[in-house]
N, C-alpha and C. Protein backbone atom coordinates (compact mmCIF):
# COMPACT_ATOMS: atom_id res chain seq x y z
N MET A 1 113.66 126.22 31.16
CA MET A 1 113.29 124.83 30.71
C MET A 1 112.86 124.99 29.27
N PRO A 2 113.52 124.14 28.33
CA PRO A 2 113.46 124.47 26.83
C PRO A 2 112.26 123.73 26.36
N ILE A 3 111.52 122.84 26.82
CA ILE A 3 110.33 122.28 26.50
C ILE A 3 109.16 122.33 27.25
N LEU A 4 107.73 122.47 26.78
CA LEU A 4 106.73 122.49 27.45
C LEU A 4 105.78 121.12 26.97
N ILE A 5 105.17 120.39 27.94
CA ILE A 5 104.29 119.43 27.82
C ILE A 5 103.00 119.95 27.98
N HIS A 6 102.10 119.81 26.61
CA HIS A 6 100.93 120.21 26.82
C HIS A 6 99.84 119.10 26.74
N PRO A 7 99.10 119.22 27.84
CA PRO A 7 97.93 118.22 27.87
C PRO A 7 96.83 118.37 26.76
N VAL A 8 96.70 117.66 25.73
CA VAL A 8 96.10 118.01 24.40
C VAL A 8 94.50 117.74 24.83
N THR A 9 93.98 116.92 25.89
CA THR A 9 92.78 116.88 25.95
C THR A 9 92.33 117.60 27.12
N ARG A 10 93.31 118.33 27.71
CA ARG A 10 93.01 119.09 28.96
C ARG A 10 93.61 120.59 28.69
N PRO A 11 93.13 121.34 27.72
CA PRO A 11 93.61 122.56 27.17
C PRO A 11 93.55 123.67 28.44
N GLU A 12 92.54 123.53 29.31
CA GLU A 12 92.51 124.22 30.48
C GLU A 12 93.81 124.28 31.47
N LEU A 13 94.44 123.24 31.39
CA LEU A 13 95.71 122.99 32.18
C LEU A 13 96.92 123.70 31.85
N PRO A 14 97.59 124.37 32.71
CA PRO A 14 98.68 124.88 32.07
C PRO A 14 100.02 123.83 31.83
N ALA A 15 100.71 124.17 30.67
CA ALA A 15 101.90 123.25 30.31
C ALA A 15 102.63 123.06 31.40
N PHE A 16 103.41 121.87 31.10
CA PHE A 16 104.18 121.27 32.09
C PHE A 16 105.92 121.60 31.59
N PRO A 17 106.46 122.27 32.25
CA PRO A 17 108.07 122.43 31.76
C PRO A 17 108.92 121.40 31.94
N MET A 18 109.67 121.09 30.89
CA MET A 18 110.93 119.86 31.22
C MET A 18 111.86 120.42 30.48
N SER A 19 113.01 119.86 30.78
CA SER A 19 114.38 119.97 29.89
C SER A 19 114.26 119.40 28.48
N ASP A 20 114.99 119.95 27.89
CA ASP A 20 115.24 119.41 26.54
C ASP A 20 115.42 118.05 26.25
N ARG A 21 116.25 117.38 27.23
CA ARG A 21 116.58 116.20 26.95
C ARG A 21 115.30 115.03 26.99
N PHE A 22 114.22 115.68 27.71
CA PHE A 22 113.13 114.88 27.78
C PHE A 22 112.37 114.67 26.51
N ARG A 23 112.78 115.31 25.31
CA ARG A 23 112.07 115.07 24.13
C ARG A 23 112.70 113.75 23.49
N HIS A 24 113.76 113.28 24.02
CA HIS A 24 114.03 111.87 23.77
C HIS A 24 113.53 110.97 24.68
N GLU A 25 113.56 111.35 25.96
CA GLU A 25 113.01 110.23 27.02
C GLU A 25 111.82 110.06 27.06
N ILE A 26 110.78 110.69 26.41
CA ILE A 26 109.41 110.39 26.53
C ILE A 26 109.14 109.26 25.92
N THR A 27 109.89 108.71 24.96
CA THR A 27 109.54 107.59 24.28
C THR A 27 109.65 106.27 25.12
N TYR A 28 110.68 106.36 26.30
CA TYR A 28 110.52 105.41 27.16
C TYR A 28 109.04 105.30 27.90
N PHE A 29 108.29 106.19 27.91
CA PHE A 29 106.87 106.12 28.41
C PHE A 29 105.72 105.98 27.69
N MET A 30 105.66 106.21 26.40
CA MET A 30 104.88 106.40 25.54
C MET A 30 104.22 104.89 25.02
N THR A 31 102.95 104.91 24.68
CA THR A 31 102.19 103.76 24.40
C THR A 31 102.27 103.81 22.85
N CYS A 32 102.74 102.91 21.99
CA CYS A 32 102.58 103.04 20.50
C CYS A 32 101.30 103.02 19.91
N PRO A 33 101.12 103.99 18.93
CA PRO A 33 99.92 103.83 18.18
C PRO A 33 99.62 102.64 17.82
N GLY A 34 98.25 102.14 17.95
CA GLY A 34 97.90 100.95 17.51
C GLY A 34 97.80 100.08 18.62
N ASP A 35 98.56 100.14 19.58
CA ASP A 35 98.45 99.33 21.06
C ASP A 35 97.38 99.90 21.84
N HIS A 36 96.52 99.15 22.44
CA HIS A 36 95.62 99.42 23.34
C HIS A 36 94.71 100.55 22.89
N GLY A 37 94.46 100.44 21.72
CA GLY A 37 93.56 101.42 21.00
C GLY A 37 93.76 102.77 21.02
N VAL A 38 95.18 103.03 21.07
CA VAL A 38 95.71 104.52 20.88
C VAL A 38 95.81 104.78 19.48
N PRO A 39 95.11 106.03 18.95
CA PRO A 39 95.07 106.28 17.62
C PRO A 39 96.51 106.50 17.11
N PRO A 40 96.57 106.98 15.72
CA PRO A 40 97.71 107.63 15.17
C PRO A 40 97.81 108.83 15.68
N LEU A 41 98.94 109.37 15.80
CA LEU A 41 99.15 110.76 16.55
C LEU A 41 100.10 111.66 15.66
N PRO A 42 100.07 112.90 15.71
CA PRO A 42 100.87 113.73 14.67
C PRO A 42 102.40 113.66 15.27
N ALA A 43 103.32 114.22 14.55
CA ALA A 43 104.56 114.31 15.01
C ALA A 43 104.45 115.16 16.50
N GLY A 44 105.43 114.88 17.47
CA GLY A 44 105.42 115.71 18.57
C GLY A 44 104.34 115.47 19.40
N GLU A 45 103.49 114.59 19.26
CA GLU A 45 102.23 114.18 20.30
C GLU A 45 102.68 112.72 20.63
N TYR A 46 102.06 112.34 21.95
CA TYR A 46 102.46 111.20 22.62
C TYR A 46 101.23 110.78 23.46
N TRP A 47 101.27 109.42 23.60
CA TRP A 47 100.20 108.84 24.46
C TRP A 47 100.77 108.05 25.49
N ILE A 48 100.62 108.48 26.80
CA ILE A 48 100.82 107.50 28.10
C ILE A 48 99.75 107.06 28.91
N ARG A 49 99.50 105.92 28.73
CA ARG A 49 98.31 105.48 29.45
C ARG A 49 98.24 105.67 30.79
N LEU A 50 97.31 106.00 31.37
CA LEU A 50 97.42 106.35 32.88
C LEU A 50 97.73 105.10 33.83
N CYS A 51 97.23 104.33 33.45
CA CYS A 51 97.57 103.13 34.20
C CYS A 51 99.24 102.74 34.16
N ASP A 52 99.77 103.13 33.00
CA ASP A 52 101.25 103.01 32.90
C ASP A 52 101.97 103.81 33.60
N ALA A 53 101.36 105.10 33.60
CA ALA A 53 102.14 106.21 34.34
C ALA A 53 102.00 105.80 36.07
N ARG A 54 100.88 105.39 36.38
CA ARG A 54 100.74 104.94 37.68
C ARG A 54 101.77 104.03 38.20
N HIS A 55 102.00 103.07 37.12
CA HIS A 55 102.84 101.93 37.39
C HIS A 55 104.21 102.40 37.56
N TYR A 56 104.78 103.31 36.45
CA TYR A 56 105.82 103.81 36.60
C TYR A 56 106.41 104.77 38.01
N LEU A 57 105.33 105.22 38.46
CA LEU A 57 105.31 106.06 39.86
C LEU A 57 105.47 105.05 40.92
N ASP A 58 104.61 103.85 40.96
CA ASP A 58 104.76 102.96 42.01
C ASP A 58 106.08 102.14 41.87
N GLU A 59 106.51 101.91 40.80
CA GLU A 59 107.72 101.03 40.64
C GLU A 59 109.09 102.06 40.75
N GLY A 60 108.97 103.20 40.42
CA GLY A 60 109.97 104.09 40.53
C GLY A 60 111.25 103.86 39.26
N VAL A 61 110.59 103.15 38.54
CA VAL A 61 111.44 102.82 37.14
C VAL A 61 110.62 102.70 36.08
N VAL A 62 111.53 102.81 35.04
CA VAL A 62 110.80 102.38 33.67
C VAL A 62 111.71 101.55 33.03
N SER A 63 110.96 100.44 32.27
CA SER A 63 111.75 99.48 31.75
C SER A 63 111.79 99.79 30.20
N ILE A 64 113.10 99.71 29.78
CA ILE A 64 113.22 100.01 28.16
C ILE A 64 113.96 98.53 27.58
N VAL A 65 113.57 98.53 26.16
CA VAL A 65 114.16 97.53 25.47
C VAL A 65 115.12 98.04 24.63
N SER A 66 116.29 97.26 24.48
CA SER A 66 117.49 97.53 23.55
C SER A 66 116.82 97.67 22.11
N PRO A 67 117.30 98.86 21.42
CA PRO A 67 116.96 98.88 19.88
C PRO A 67 117.71 97.80 19.14
N LEU A 68 118.95 97.21 19.80
CA LEU A 68 119.73 96.10 18.97
C LEU A 68 119.43 94.84 19.34
N ASP A 69 118.51 94.71 20.58
CA ASP A 69 118.51 93.27 20.88
C ASP A 69 116.92 93.32 21.82
N SER A 70 116.25 93.08 20.85
CA SER A 70 114.48 92.99 21.86
C SER A 70 114.52 92.23 23.03
N ASP A 71 115.44 91.21 23.22
CA ASP A 71 115.47 90.30 24.41
C ASP A 71 116.31 91.13 25.60
N SER A 72 116.98 92.09 25.27
CA SER A 72 117.86 92.91 26.19
C SER A 72 116.84 94.00 26.79
N ARG A 73 116.53 93.86 28.09
CA ARG A 73 115.72 94.91 28.89
C ARG A 73 116.57 95.57 29.90
N ALA A 74 116.39 96.83 30.27
CA ALA A 74 116.99 97.45 31.35
C ALA A 74 115.97 98.19 32.04
N GLU A 75 116.18 98.34 33.35
CA GLU A 75 115.29 99.23 34.29
C GLU A 75 116.10 100.55 34.37
N LEU A 76 115.48 101.79 34.39
CA LEU A 76 115.93 103.09 34.49
C LEU A 76 115.37 103.66 35.78
N GLU A 77 115.92 104.07 36.76
CA GLU A 77 115.15 104.81 37.73
C GLU A 77 114.75 105.95 37.20
N LEU A 78 113.59 106.42 37.77
CA LEU A 78 112.95 107.71 37.29
C LEU A 78 113.90 108.95 38.08
N THR A 79 113.96 109.95 37.06
CA THR A 79 114.55 111.21 37.73
C THR A 79 113.71 111.76 38.54
N GLU A 80 113.99 112.83 39.27
CA GLU A 80 112.99 113.82 39.93
C GLU A 80 112.35 114.53 38.92
N GLU A 81 112.78 115.07 37.93
CA GLU A 81 111.74 115.53 36.87
C GLU A 81 110.92 114.59 36.32
N GLN A 82 111.43 113.25 35.94
CA GLN A 82 110.28 112.42 35.22
C GLN A 82 109.30 112.22 36.35
N GLU A 83 109.70 111.98 37.75
CA GLU A 83 108.69 111.68 38.52
C GLU A 83 107.62 112.93 38.89
N ALA A 84 108.17 113.91 38.69
CA ALA A 84 107.17 115.16 38.88
C ALA A 84 106.36 115.28 37.76
N TRP A 85 106.67 115.09 36.59
CA TRP A 85 105.93 114.81 35.40
C TRP A 85 105.04 113.90 35.40
N LEU A 86 105.19 112.79 35.72
CA LEU A 86 104.33 111.58 35.91
C LEU A 86 103.30 111.89 37.28
N ASP A 87 103.74 112.68 38.14
CA ASP A 87 102.79 113.14 39.13
C ASP A 87 101.67 113.84 38.62
N TRP A 88 102.23 114.81 37.84
CA TRP A 88 101.33 115.83 37.09
C TRP A 88 100.37 115.05 36.07
N MET A 89 100.81 114.38 35.20
CA MET A 89 100.10 113.57 34.45
C MET A 89 98.84 112.64 35.35
N VAL A 90 99.12 111.95 36.28
CA VAL A 90 98.43 111.13 37.12
C VAL A 90 97.39 112.05 37.76
N ALA A 91 97.97 113.21 38.56
CA ALA A 91 96.89 114.07 39.08
C ALA A 91 95.88 114.65 38.34
N HIS A 92 96.20 114.94 37.00
CA HIS A 92 95.37 115.57 36.02
C HIS A 92 94.70 114.69 35.21
N GLU A 93 94.75 113.25 35.31
CA GLU A 93 94.44 112.11 34.37
C GLU A 93 94.69 112.42 33.18
N VAL A 94 95.78 112.85 32.46
CA VAL A 94 96.37 113.31 31.30
C VAL A 94 97.00 111.92 30.58
N GLU A 95 96.48 111.69 29.45
CA GLU A 95 97.13 110.62 28.83
C GLU A 95 97.85 111.11 27.36
N HIS A 96 97.16 112.15 26.73
CA HIS A 96 97.50 112.55 25.35
C HIS A 96 98.32 113.87 25.45
N VAL A 97 99.60 113.93 25.23
CA VAL A 97 100.36 115.31 25.32
C VAL A 97 101.07 115.66 23.95
N ARG A 98 101.34 116.83 23.96
CA ARG A 98 102.24 117.47 22.78
C ARG A 98 103.31 118.24 23.37
N ILE A 99 104.46 118.17 22.85
CA ILE A 99 105.84 118.71 23.20
C ILE A 99 106.05 120.02 22.31
N GLU A 100 106.25 121.01 22.94
CA GLU A 100 106.53 122.24 22.35
C GLU A 100 107.91 122.75 22.93
N LYS A 101 108.82 123.03 21.87
CA LYS A 101 109.94 123.58 22.04
C LYS A 101 109.91 125.01 22.27
N VAL A 102 110.47 125.34 23.49
CA VAL A 102 110.56 126.88 23.98
C VAL A 102 111.49 127.55 23.05
N LEU A 103 111.33 128.62 22.38
CA LEU A 103 112.28 129.39 21.80
C LEU A 103 112.79 130.54 22.85
N ARG A 104 113.92 130.74 22.79
CA ARG A 104 114.52 131.75 23.84
C ARG A 104 114.93 132.89 23.00
């Protein structure tokens, strides 16, 4: 797996491995800095509210907004990989993560 998801506020936990394409997919799940009290984050770090992670798991989908038309929304079914990552996030109550690209 070419990337690792590190739990920033839980350094004692091992990182979660994900495929490289998840570097782009994580934006579907993130809470934007400034929303719901999320602080500004450095590049490569993301905040996924725990309540949102639970919601995505319960629904089995994530809703995305078209970058070309904010009125156009779509629901994407969670992949097995995304579901496993969200399970890990919820089980360990992780909200703040950092992505690391694994060099081979």
